[in-house]
Amino acid sequence: MNKRLVLRDKWVLILFALPGLLYFLLFKYVPLLGNVIAFQDYNIFKGILHSPWVGFAQFERMFGFEDFYEVFRNSAKLGFYSLLFGFPAPIILALMLNELKSMAFKRIVQTVVYMPHFLSWVIVGSIFINLLAYEGFINTIASQVGIAKVDYVTHENTFIAVLISTGIWKEVGWGTILYLAALSGINPNFYEAAMVDGAGRWRQMWSITLPLLMPTMVVVLLLSIGHILDANVEQVLIFLNPLVRDVGEVFDTYVYTFGLVGGQYSYTTAIALFKAVVGIVLVFGLNAISRKTTGESLY
């Protein structure tokens, strides 16, 4: 009887997990088979089975283009700065929210910082393009205090900063959810013992909170590093304009332009495969370093 109950419970769990498993199978794993066209001269009318094989010709073409190195540089630069400033932002915000004593005020603040995540990039882009325009609100205020006007969205020196700051503004609140959950799991006895020893809030944070958050931070960091060459294509396409294309063209917009619009499917698949290989190498390499230095890792 007990075995039947256990088996029934397992089938219930399997049925609950089935939609998620089917989603990943159909939309994440099955499409991986399409990477084979990176080694073909793919023709949409002939299909994968009848398109001619060209070996590594698409990769040779990729590394032979001067534009590829410019796009690689732009993608790496945007990914690095997004990680440098975007990774600690939700941690800092979660620590600040955790210090709020009033639960009512804490819920209000959480709701406010979560809201931008649910706005589309079309709305967010429209708001910030108008705010940062040459005759926009920010430049109007700046001119009144004697600061020269700058069209931030069309200036090469400020365009990357616009992408990074708007990305943080939109997602920082949503990113705190994981860290707030981790903070709620910390045993309060640790803090009580620290207070008995005379530790203040700063010492408690450095000696208790951050070390206990380390496993979560390491996992999030390693997963983020795997996507360092990825950009939010919707965000970049909305902000991108001809005046900043030299610094704003990244792999995702390049693939969109040449792959979807230009129909060069094999060439852009080779680029996507290159990105995936770089991400895998970074994740495995930094995971090994993290395991040796901090004792924390993905596996």
C-alpha atoms as a PDB file:
ATOM      1  CA  MET A   1       0.000   0.000   0.000  1.00  0.00           C
ATOM      2  CA  ASN A   2       2.770   2.388   0.908  1.00  0.00           C
ATOM      3  CA  LYS A   3       4.582   1.619  -2.343  1.00  0.00           C
ATOM      4  CA  ARG A   4       1.426   2.425  -4.312  1.00  0.00           C
ATOM      5  CA  LEU A   5       1.074   5.751  -2.505  1.00  0.00           C
ATOM      6  CA  VAL A   6       4.700   6.615  -3.170  1.00  0.00           C
ATOM      7  CA  LEU A   7       4.316   5.727  -6.861  1.00  0.00           C
ATOM      8  CA  ARG A   8       1.129   7.774  -7.125  1.00  0.00           C
ATOM      9  CA  ASP A   9       2.840  10.755  -5.503  1.00  0.00           C
ATOM     10  CA  LYS A  10       5.702  10.483  -7.968  1.00  0.00           C
ATOM     11  CA  TRP A  11       3.308  10.471 -10.913  1.00  0.00           C
ATOM     12  CA  VAL A  12       1.618  13.564  -9.510  1.00  0.00           C
ATOM     13  CA  LEU A  13       4.980  15.323  -9.330  1.00  0.00           C
ATOM     14  CA  ILE A  14       5.831  14.183 -12.860  1.00  0.00           C
ATOM     15  CA  LEU A  15       2.529  15.540 -14.191  1.00  0.00           C
ATOM     16  CA  PHE A  16       3.167  18.868 -12.483  1.00  0.00           C
ATOM     17  CA  ALA A  17       6.660  19.034 -13.966  1.00  0.00           C
ATOM     18  CA  LEU A  18       5.605  17.852 -17.426  1.00  0.00           C
ATOM     19  CA  PRO A  19       4.643  21.270 -18.895  1.00  0.00           C
ATOM     20  CA  GLY A  20       8.002  22.729 -17.868  1.00  0.00           C
ATOM     21  CA  LEU A  21       9.902  19.720 -19.171  1.00  0.00           C
ATOM     22  CA  LEU A  22       8.058  19.878 -22.510  1.00  0.00           C
ATOM     23  CA  TYR A  23       8.797  23.602 -22.759  1.00  0.00           C
ATOM     24  CA  PHE A  24      12.543  23.098 -22.355  1.00  0.00           C
ATOM     25  CA  LEU A  25      12.532  20.067 -24.627  1.00  0.00           C
ATOM     26  CA  LEU A  26      10.633  21.710 -27.492  1.00  0.00           C
ATOM     27  CA  PHE A  27      11.956  25.258 -27.287  1.00  0.00           C
ATOM     28  CA  LYS A  28      15.464  24.823 -25.841  1.00  0.00           C
ATOM     29  CA  TYR A  29      16.862  21.398 -26.751  1.00  0.00           C
ATOM     30  CA  VAL A  30      15.195  20.499 -30.056  1.00  0.00           C
ATOM     31  CA  PRO A  31      16.256  23.833 -31.663  1.00  0.00           C
ATOM     32  CA  LEU A  32      19.877  22.932 -30.857  1.00  0.00           C
ATOM     33  CA  LEU A  33      19.720  20.485 -33.762  1.00  0.00           C
ATOM     34  CA  GLY A  34      19.387  23.487 -36.065  1.00  0.00           C
ATOM     35  CA  ASN A  35      22.990  24.478 -35.299  1.00  0.00           C
ATOM     36  CA  VAL A  36      23.998  22.018 -37.997  1.00  0.00           C
ATOM     37  CA  ILE A  37      23.288  24.704 -40.627  1.00  0.00           C
ATOM     38  CA  ALA A  38      26.414  26.539 -39.416  1.00  0.00           C
ATOM     39  CA  PHE A  39      28.318  23.890 -41.394  1.00  0.00           C
ATOM     40  CA  GLN A  40      26.115  24.186 -44.476  1.00  0.00           C
ATOM     41  CA  ASP A  41      25.292  26.681 -47.167  1.00  0.00           C
ATOM     42  CA  TYR A  42      21.727  26.578 -45.950  1.00  0.00           C
ATOM     43  CA  ASN A  43      18.934  27.145 -48.434  1.00  0.00           C
ATOM     44  CA  ILE A  44      15.511  27.729 -46.918  1.00  0.00           C
ATOM     45  CA  PHE A  45      13.815  26.004 -49.860  1.00  0.00           C
ATOM     46  CA  LYS A  46      16.059  22.915 -49.817  1.00  0.00           C
ATOM     47  CA  GLY A  47      15.991  22.510 -46.045  1.00  0.00           C
ATOM     48  CA  ILE A  48      18.613  21.025 -43.741  1.00  0.00           C
ATOM     49  CA  LEU A  49      18.647  17.594 -45.363  1.00  0.00           C
ATOM     50  CA  HIS A  50      19.369  18.839 -48.890  1.00  0.00           C
ATOM     51  CA  SER A  51      21.491  21.962 -48.320  1.00  0.00           C
ATOM     52  CA  PRO A  52      25.149  21.510 -49.336  1.00  0.00           C
ATOM     53  CA  TRP A  53      27.790  20.982 -46.651  1.00  0.00           C
ATOM     54  CA  VAL A  54      30.623  23.532 -46.527  1.00  0.00           C
ATOM     55  CA  GLY A  55      32.462  22.472 -43.369  1.00  0.00           C
ATOM     56  CA  PHE A  56      34.035  25.405 -41.510  1.00  0.00           C
ATOM     57  CA  ALA A  57      33.626  27.856 -44.407  1.00  0.00           C
ATOM     58  CA  GLN A  58      31.107  29.967 -42.477  1.00  0.00           C
ATOM     59  CA  PHE A  59      33.521  30.287 -39.552  1.00  0.00           C
ATOM     60  CA  GLU A  60      36.367  31.249 -41.895  1.00  0.00           C
ATOM     61  CA  ARG A  61      34.100  33.876 -43.389  1.00  0.00           C
ATOM     62  CA  MET A  62      33.172  35.089 -39.894  1.00  0.00           C
ATOM     63  CA  PHE A  63      36.772  35.526 -38.749  1.00  0.00           C
ATOM     64  CA  GLY A  64      37.676  37.092 -42.087  1.00  0.00           C
ATOM     65  CA  PHE A  65      35.222  39.983 -41.708  1.00  0.00           C
ATOM     66  CA  GLU A  66      36.586  43.144 -40.129  1.00  0.00           C
ATOM     67  CA  ASP A  67      33.074  43.947 -38.895  1.00  0.00           C
ATOM     68  CA  PHE A  68      33.116  40.779 -36.788  1.00  0.00           C
ATOM     69  CA  TYR A  69      35.925  42.065 -34.564  1.00  0.00           C
ATOM     70  CA  GLU A  70      34.196  45.411 -34.099  1.00  0.00           C
ATOM     71  CA  VAL A  71      30.951  43.685 -33.120  1.00  0.00           C
ATOM     72  CA  PHE A  72      32.855  41.321 -30.820  1.00  0.00           C
ATOM     73  CA  ARG A  73      34.536  44.272 -29.113  1.00  0.00           C
ATOM     74  CA  ASN A  74      31.233  46.105 -28.678  1.00  0.00           C
ATOM     75  CA  SER A  75      29.491  42.984 -27.305  1.00  0.00           C
ATOM     76  CA  ALA A  76      32.318  42.208 -24.868  1.00  0.00           C
ATOM     77  CA  LYS A  77      32.465  45.820 -23.689  1.00  0.00           C
ATOM     78  CA  LEU A  78      28.712  46.064 -23.135  1.00  0.00           C
ATOM     79  CA  GLY A  79      28.622  42.645 -21.435  1.00  0.00           C
ATOM     80  CA  PHE A  80      31.576  43.434 -19.157  1.00  0.00           C
ATOM     81  CA  TYR A  81      30.244  46.796 -17.979  1.00  0.00           C
ATOM     82  CA  SER A  82      26.716  45.409 -17.595  1.00  0.00           C
ATOM     83  CA  LEU A  83      28.135  42.671 -15.359  1.00  0.00           C
ATOM     84  CA  LEU A  84      30.415  45.064 -13.475  1.00  0.00           C
ATOM     85  CA  PHE A  85      27.630  47.489 -12.570  1.00  0.00           C
ATOM     86  CA  GLY A  86      24.540  45.320 -12.970  1.00  0.00           C
ATOM     87  CA  PHE A  87      25.604  42.329 -10.873  1.00  0.00           C
ATOM     88  CA  PRO A  88      26.125  44.137  -7.522  1.00  0.00           C
ATOM     89  CA  ALA A  89      23.085  46.419  -7.972  1.00  0.00           C
ATOM     90  CA  PRO A  90      20.382  43.910  -6.867  1.00  0.00           C
ATOM     91  CA  ILE A  91      22.608  42.709  -4.007  1.00  0.00           C
ATOM     92  CA  ILE A  92      22.968  46.253  -2.666  1.00  0.00           C
ATOM     93  CA  LEU A  93      19.248  46.928  -3.094  1.00  0.00           C
ATOM     94  CA  ALA A  94      18.325  43.658  -1.370  1.00  0.00           C
ATOM     95  CA  LEU A  95      20.596  44.499   1.579  1.00  0.00           C
ATOM     96  CA  MET A  96      18.997  47.953   1.842  1.00  0.00           C
ATOM     97  CA  LEU A  97      15.475  46.515   1.699  1.00  0.00           C
ATOM     98  CA  ASN A  98      16.419  43.941   4.313  1.00  0.00           C
ATOM     99  CA  GLU A  99      17.328  46.749   6.723  1.00  0.00           C
ATOM    100  CA  LEU A 100      13.889  48.393   6.527  1.00  0.00           C
ATOM    101  CA  LYS A 101      11.973  47.904   9.756  1.00  0.00           C
ATOM    102  CA  SER A 102       8.525  48.979   8.567  1.00  0.00           C
ATOM    103  CA  MET A 103       6.978  46.081   6.615  1.00  0.00           C
ATOM    104  CA  ALA A 104       4.358  48.361   5.050  1.00  0.00           C
ATOM    105  CA  PHE A 105       7.007  50.748   3.714  1.00  0.00           C
ATOM    106  CA  LYS A 106       9.150  47.790   2.598  1.00  0.00           C
ATOM    107  CA  ARG A 107       6.270  46.357   0.550  1.00  0.00           C
ATOM    108  CA  ILE A 108       5.648  49.738  -1.092  1.00  0.00           C
ATOM    109  CA  VAL A 109       9.321  50.095  -2.029  1.00  0.00           C
ATOM    110  CA  GLN A 110       9.440  46.526  -3.361  1.00  0.00           C
ATOM    111  CA  THR A 111       6.358  47.131  -5.508  1.00  0.00           C
ATOM    112  CA  VAL A 112       7.838  50.333  -6.936  1.00  0.00           C
ATOM    113  CA  VAL A 113      11.194  48.766  -7.834  1.00  0.00           C
ATOM    114  CA  TYR A 114       9.546  45.630  -9.280  1.00  0.00           C
ATOM    115  CA  MET A 115       7.231  47.554 -11.619  1.00  0.00           C
ATOM    116  CA  PRO A 116       9.767  48.489 -14.353  1.00  0.00           C
ATOM    117  CA  HIS A 117      10.407  44.786 -15.023  1.00  0.00           C
ATOM    118  CA  PHE A 118       6.844  44.442 -16.335  1.00  0.00           C
ATOM    119  CA  LEU A 119       7.175  47.351 -18.760  1.00  0.00           C
ATOM    120  CA  SER A 120       8.162  46.536 -22.337  1.00  0.00           C
ATOM    121  CA  TRP A 121      11.368  47.983 -23.739  1.00  0.00           C
ATOM    122  CA  VAL A 122       9.259  49.954 -26.209  1.00  0.00           C
ATOM    123  CA  ILE A 123       7.744  51.905 -23.319  1.00  0.00           C
ATOM    124  CA  VAL A 124      11.002  52.184 -21.355  1.00  0.00           C
ATOM    125  CA  GLY A 125      12.930  53.221 -24.468  1.00  0.00           C
ATOM    126  CA  SER A 126      10.384  55.886 -25.366  1.00  0.00           C
ATOM    127  CA  ILE A 127      10.519  57.319 -21.842  1.00  0.00           C
ATOM    128  CA  PHE A 128      14.305  57.527 -21.660  1.00  0.00           C
ATOM    129  CA  ILE A 129      14.812  58.683 -25.253  1.00  0.00           C
ATOM    130  CA  ASN A 130      12.544  61.633 -24.507  1.00  0.00           C
ATOM    131  CA  LEU A 131      14.180  62.284 -21.143  1.00  0.00           C
ATOM    132  CA  LEU A 132      17.736  62.129 -22.553  1.00  0.00           C
ATOM    133  CA  ALA A 133      17.101  63.952 -25.849  1.00  0.00           C
ATOM    134  CA  TYR A 134      18.903  67.217 -26.589  1.00  0.00           C
ATOM    135  CA  GLU A 135      15.756  69.179 -25.761  1.00  0.00           C
ATOM    136  CA  GLY A 136      14.595  66.667 -23.181  1.00  0.00           C
ATOM    137  CA  PHE A 137      13.868  67.129 -19.500  1.00  0.00           C
ATOM    138  CA  ILE A 138      17.360  66.272 -18.214  1.00  0.00           C
ATOM    139  CA  ASN A 139      19.139  68.629 -20.609  1.00  0.00           C
ATOM    140  CA  THR A 140      16.620  71.373 -19.856  1.00  0.00           C
ATOM    141  CA  ILE A 141      17.376  71.116 -16.137  1.00  0.00           C
ATOM    142  CA  ALA A 142      21.123  70.867 -16.833  1.00  0.00           C
ATOM    143  CA  SER A 143      21.120  73.993 -19.005  1.00  0.00           C
ATOM    144  CA  GLN A 144      19.434  75.968 -16.233  1.00  0.00           C
ATOM    145  CA  VAL A 145      22.337  75.259 -13.884  1.00  0.00           C
ATOM    146  CA  GLY A 146      24.980  76.031 -16.503  1.00  0.00           C
ATOM    147  CA  ILE A 147      25.770  72.491 -17.733  1.00  0.00           C
ATOM    148  CA  ALA A 148      26.167  72.036 -21.488  1.00  0.00           C
ATOM    149  CA  LYS A 149      23.497  69.997 -23.246  1.00  0.00           C
ATOM    150  CA  VAL A 150      24.360  66.523 -24.525  1.00  0.00           C
ATOM    151  CA  ASP A 151      22.208  64.253 -26.669  1.00  0.00           C
ATOM    152  CA  TYR A 152      23.045  61.145 -24.681  1.00  0.00           C
ATOM    153  CA  VAL A 153      21.357  58.627 -26.986  1.00  0.00           C
ATOM    154  CA  THR A 154      23.184  59.800 -30.124  1.00  0.00           C
ATOM    155  CA  HIS A 155      26.601  60.445 -28.545  1.00  0.00           C
ATOM    156  CA  GLU A 156      29.133  57.606 -28.788  1.00  0.00           C
ATOM    157  CA  ASN A 157      30.716  58.421 -25.415  1.00  0.00           C
ATOM    158  CA  THR A 158      27.433  58.113 -23.515  1.00  0.00           C
ATOM    159  CA  PHE A 159      25.494  55.490 -25.476  1.00  0.00           C
ATOM    160  CA  ILE A 160      26.873  52.455 -23.608  1.00  0.00           C
ATOM    161  CA  ALA A 161      26.192  54.192 -20.283  1.00  0.00           C
ATOM    162  CA  VAL A 162      22.581  54.730 -21.380  1.00  0.00           C
ATOM    163  CA  LEU A 163      22.164  51.034 -22.190  1.00  0.00           C
ATOM    164  CA  ILE A 164      23.692  49.908 -18.896  1.00  0.00           C
ATOM    165  CA  SER A 165      21.821  52.385 -16.691  1.00  0.00           C
ATOM    166  CA  THR A 166      18.424  51.742 -18.298  1.00  0.00           C
ATOM    167  CA  GLY A 167      19.011  47.993 -18.060  1.00  0.00           C
ATOM    168  CA  ILE A 168      19.789  48.279 -14.351  1.00  0.00           C
ATOM    169  CA  TRP A 169      16.815  50.577 -13.755  1.00  0.00           C
ATOM    170  CA  LYS A 170      14.444  48.106 -15.386  1.00  0.00           C
ATOM    171  CA  GLU A 171      15.706  44.848 -13.864  1.00  0.00           C
ATOM    172  CA  VAL A 172      17.361  45.692 -10.542  1.00  0.00           C
ATOM    173  CA  GLY A 173      14.145  45.300  -8.550  1.00  0.00           C
ATOM    174  CA  TRP A 174      13.333  41.942 -10.107  1.00  0.00           C
ATOM    175  CA  GLY A 175      16.879  40.754  -9.440  1.00  0.00           C
ATOM    176  CA  THR A 176      16.467  41.357  -5.702  1.00  0.00           C
ATOM    177  CA  ILE A 177      13.848  38.604  -5.371  1.00  0.00           C
ATOM    178  CA  LEU A 178      16.433  35.820  -5.285  1.00  0.00           C
ATOM    179  CA  TYR A 179      18.654  37.634  -2.779  1.00  0.00           C
ATOM    180  CA  LEU A 180      15.742  38.569  -0.510  1.00  0.00           C
ATOM    181  CA  ALA A 181      14.730  34.902  -0.491  1.00  0.00           C
ATOM    182  CA  ALA A 182      18.293  33.945   0.462  1.00  0.00           C
ATOM    183  CA  LEU A 183      18.338  36.609   3.187  1.00  0.00           C
ATOM    184  CA  SER A 184      15.087  35.315   4.657  1.00  0.00           C
ATOM    185  CA  GLY A 185      16.702  31.885   5.021  1.00  0.00           C
ATOM    186  CA  ILE A 186      19.529  33.119   7.261  1.00  0.00           C
ATOM    187  CA  ASN A 187      19.151  31.914  10.835  1.00  0.00           C
ATOM    188  CA  PRO A 188      18.412  34.963  13.058  1.00  0.00           C
ATOM    189  CA  ASN A 189      20.373  33.291  15.866  1.00  0.00           C
ATOM    190  CA  PHE A 190      23.561  34.314  14.048  1.00  0.00           C
ATOM    191  CA  TYR A 191      22.623  37.987  14.350  1.00  0.00           C
ATOM    192  CA  GLU A 192      21.563  37.603  17.975  1.00  0.00           C
ATOM    193  CA  ALA A 193      24.915  36.022  18.831  1.00  0.00           C
ATOM    194  CA  ALA A 194      26.737  38.787  16.964  1.00  0.00           C
ATOM    195  CA  MET A 195      24.838  41.483  18.872  1.00  0.00           C
ATOM    196  CA  VAL A 196      25.746  39.800  22.154  1.00  0.00           C
ATOM    197  CA  ASP A 197      29.391  40.045  21.072  1.00  0.00           C
ATOM    198  CA  GLY A 198      28.880  43.756  20.364  1.00  0.00           C
ATOM    199  CA  ALA A 199      28.821  43.637  16.551  1.00  0.00           C
ATOM    200  CA  GLY A 200      27.038  46.531  14.834  1.00  0.00           C
ATOM    201  CA  ARG A 201      24.975  46.377  11.659  1.00  0.00           C
ATOM    202  CA  TRP A 202      27.996  46.868   9.376  1.00  0.00           C
ATOM    203  CA  ARG A 203      29.992  44.121  11.101  1.00  0.00           C
ATOM    204  CA  GLN A 204      26.985  41.796  10.940  1.00  0.00           C
ATOM    205  CA  MET A 205      26.628  42.441   7.242  1.00  0.00           C
ATOM    206  CA  TRP A 206      30.314  41.776   6.458  1.00  0.00           C
ATOM    207  CA  SER A 207      30.709  38.807   8.809  1.00  0.00           C
ATOM    208  CA  ILE A 208      27.320  37.079   8.537  1.00  0.00           C
ATOM    209  CA  THR A 209      25.102  38.311   5.701  1.00  0.00           C
ATOM    210  CA  LEU A 210      27.571  38.475   2.817  1.00  0.00           C
ATOM    211  CA  PRO A 211      29.338  35.157   3.604  1.00  0.00           C
ATOM    212  CA  LEU A 212      25.975  33.360   3.798  1.00  0.00           C
ATOM    213  CA  LEU A 213      24.901  35.026   0.534  1.00  0.00           C
ATOM    214  CA  MET A 214      28.104  33.896  -1.175  1.00  0.00           C
ATOM    215  CA  PRO A 215      26.718  30.607  -2.627  1.00  0.00           C
ATOM    216  CA  THR A 216      23.809  32.471  -4.232  1.00  0.00           C
ATOM    217  CA  MET A 217      26.049  35.233  -5.539  1.00  0.00           C
ATOM    218  CA  VAL A 218      28.528  32.763  -7.053  1.00  0.00           C
ATOM    219  CA  VAL A 219      25.800  30.845  -8.888  1.00  0.00           C
ATOM    220  CA  VAL A 220      24.224  34.026 -10.255  1.00  0.00           C
ATOM    221  CA  LEU A 221      27.623  35.422 -11.270  1.00  0.00           C
ATOM    222  CA  LEU A 222      28.688  32.256 -13.093  1.00  0.00           C
ATOM    223  CA  LEU A 223      25.376  32.017 -14.940  1.00  0.00           C
ATOM    224  CA  SER A 224      25.636  35.707 -15.886  1.00  0.00           C
ATOM    225  CA  ILE A 225      29.194  35.278 -17.184  1.00  0.00           C
ATOM    226  CA  GLY A 226      27.933  32.601 -19.551  1.00  0.00           C
ATOM    227  CA  HIS A 227      25.790  35.277 -21.221  1.00  0.00           C
ATOM    228  CA  ILE A 228      28.421  38.013 -21.277  1.00  0.00           C
ATOM    229  CA  LEU A 229      28.299  38.283 -25.078  1.00  0.00           C
ATOM    230  CA  ASP A 230      24.505  38.362 -25.085  1.00  0.00           C
ATOM    231  CA  ALA A 231      22.620  41.632 -25.108  1.00  0.00           C
ATOM    232  CA  ASN A 232      18.954  42.444 -24.799  1.00  0.00           C
ATOM    233  CA  VAL A 233      18.255  42.711 -28.510  1.00  0.00           C
ATOM    234  CA  GLU A 234      14.980  44.562 -27.968  1.00  0.00           C
ATOM    235  CA  GLN A 235      16.679  47.180 -25.798  1.00  0.00           C
ATOM    236  CA  VAL A 236      19.593  47.723 -28.180  1.00  0.00           C
ATOM    237  CA  LEU A 237      17.386  47.884 -31.280  1.00  0.00           C
ATOM    238  CA  ILE A 238      15.215  50.561 -29.672  1.00  0.00           C
ATOM    239  CA  PHE A 239      18.122  52.765 -28.611  1.00  0.00           C
ATOM    240  CA  LEU A 240      20.415  52.028 -31.580  1.00  0.00           C
ATOM    241  CA  ASN A 241      20.695  54.703 -34.273  1.00  0.00           C
ATOM    242  CA  PRO A 242      23.114  55.388 -37.176  1.00  0.00           C
ATOM    243  CA  LEU A 243      25.142  57.911 -35.134  1.00  0.00           C
ATOM    244  CA  VAL A 244      26.204  55.302 -32.556  1.00  0.00           C
ATOM    245  CA  ARG A 245      26.245  52.148 -34.678  1.00  0.00           C
ATOM    246  CA  ASP A 246      30.061  51.931 -34.452  1.00  0.00           C
ATOM    247  CA  VAL A 247      29.855  51.426 -30.674  1.00  0.00           C
ATOM    248  CA  GLY A 248      26.329  50.021 -30.361  1.00  0.00           C
ATOM    249  CA  GLU A 249      26.261  47.207 -32.914  1.00  0.00           C
ATOM    250  CA  VAL A 250      26.427  43.950 -30.940  1.00  0.00           C
ATOM    251  CA  PHE A 251      26.162  40.290 -31.910  1.00  0.00           C
ATOM    252  CA  ASP A 252      22.411  40.134 -31.361  1.00  0.00           C
ATOM    253  CA  THR A 253      21.618  43.118 -33.597  1.00  0.00           C
ATOM    254  CA  TYR A 254      24.201  41.919 -36.132  1.00  0.00           C
ATOM    255  CA  VAL A 255      22.537  38.488 -36.266  1.00  0.00           C
ATOM    256  CA  TYR A 256      19.126  40.129 -36.580  1.00  0.00           C
ATOM    257  CA  THR A 257      20.277  42.338 -39.454  1.00  0.00           C
ATOM    258  CA  PHE A 258      22.183  39.724 -41.448  1.00  0.00           C
ATOM    259  CA  GLY A 259      20.250  36.617 -40.400  1.00  0.00           C
ATOM    260  CA  LEU A 260      16.576  37.456 -40.157  1.00  0.00           C
ATOM    261  CA  VAL A 261      16.555  40.491 -42.455  1.00  0.00           C
ATOM    262  CA  GLY A 262      19.375  39.505 -44.813  1.00  0.00           C
ATOM    263  CA  GLY A 263      18.603  35.794 -44.952  1.00  0.00           C
ATOM    264  CA  GLN A 264      22.202  34.686 -44.215  1.00  0.00           C
ATOM    265  CA  TYR A 265      21.116  31.903 -41.882  1.00  0.00           C
ATOM    266  CA  SER A 266      24.254  29.750 -41.947  1.00  0.00           C
ATOM    267  CA  TYR A 267      26.596  32.666 -41.356  1.00  0.00           C
ATOM    268  CA  THR A 268      24.633  34.040 -38.393  1.00  0.00           C
ATOM    269  CA  THR A 269      24.186  30.540 -36.930  1.00  0.00           C
ATOM    270  CA  ALA A 270      27.983  30.219 -36.958  1.00  0.00           C
ATOM    271  CA  ILE A 271      28.163  33.486 -35.001  1.00  0.00           C
ATOM    272  CA  ALA A 272      25.601  32.223 -32.477  1.00  0.00           C
ATOM    273  CA  LEU A 273      27.555  28.971 -32.118  1.00  0.00           C
ATOM    274  CA  PHE A 274      30.745  30.950 -31.524  1.00  0.00           C
ATOM    275  CA  LYS A 275      28.987  32.919 -28.758  1.00  0.00           C
ATOM    276  CA  ALA A 276      27.783  29.705 -27.148  1.00  0.00           C
ATOM    277  CA  VAL A 277      31.273  28.172 -27.159  1.00  0.00           C
ATOM    278  CA  VAL A 278      32.770  31.319 -25.589  1.00  0.00           C
ATOM    279  CA  GLY A 279      30.073  31.263 -22.898  1.00  0.00           C
ATOM    280  CA  ILE A 280      30.654  27.579 -22.111  1.00  0.00           C
ATOM    281  CA  VAL A 281      34.425  28.064 -21.865  1.00  0.00           C
ATOM    282  CA  LEU A 282      33.994  31.042 -19.527  1.00  0.00           C
ATOM    283  CA  VAL A 283      31.521  29.228 -17.284  1.00  0.00           C
ATOM    284  CA  PHE A 284      33.640  26.062 -16.957  1.00  0.00           C
ATOM    285  CA  GLY A 285      36.870  28.012 -16.503  1.00  0.00           C
ATOM    286  CA  LEU A 286      35.575  30.456 -13.906  1.00  0.00           C
ATOM    287  CA  ASN A 287      33.639  27.693 -12.162  1.00  0.00           C
ATOM    288  CA  ALA A 288      36.927  25.842 -11.619  1.00  0.00           C
ATOM    289  CA  ILE A 289      38.585  29.027 -10.343  1.00  0.00           C
ATOM    290  CA  SER A 290      35.664  29.723  -7.996  1.00  0.00           C
ATOM    291  CA  ARG A 291      35.775  26.165  -6.623  1.00  0.00           C
ATOM    292  CA  LYS A 292      39.460  26.524  -5.766  1.00  0.00           C
ATOM    293  CA  THR A 293      39.305  30.063  -4.343  1.00  0.00           C
ATOM    294  CA  THR A 294      35.924  30.280  -2.593  1.00  0.00           C
ATOM    295  CA  GLY A 295      34.827  26.655  -2.349  1.00  0.00           C
ATOM    296  CA  GLU A 296      31.571  27.560  -4.135  1.00  0.00           C
ATOM    297  CA  SER A 297      30.677  26.377  -7.629  1.00  0.00           C
ATOM    298  CA  LEU A 298      27.855  25.297  -9.914  1.00  0.00           C
ATOM    299  CA  TYR A 299      28.746  21.623  -9.565  1.00  0.00           C
END
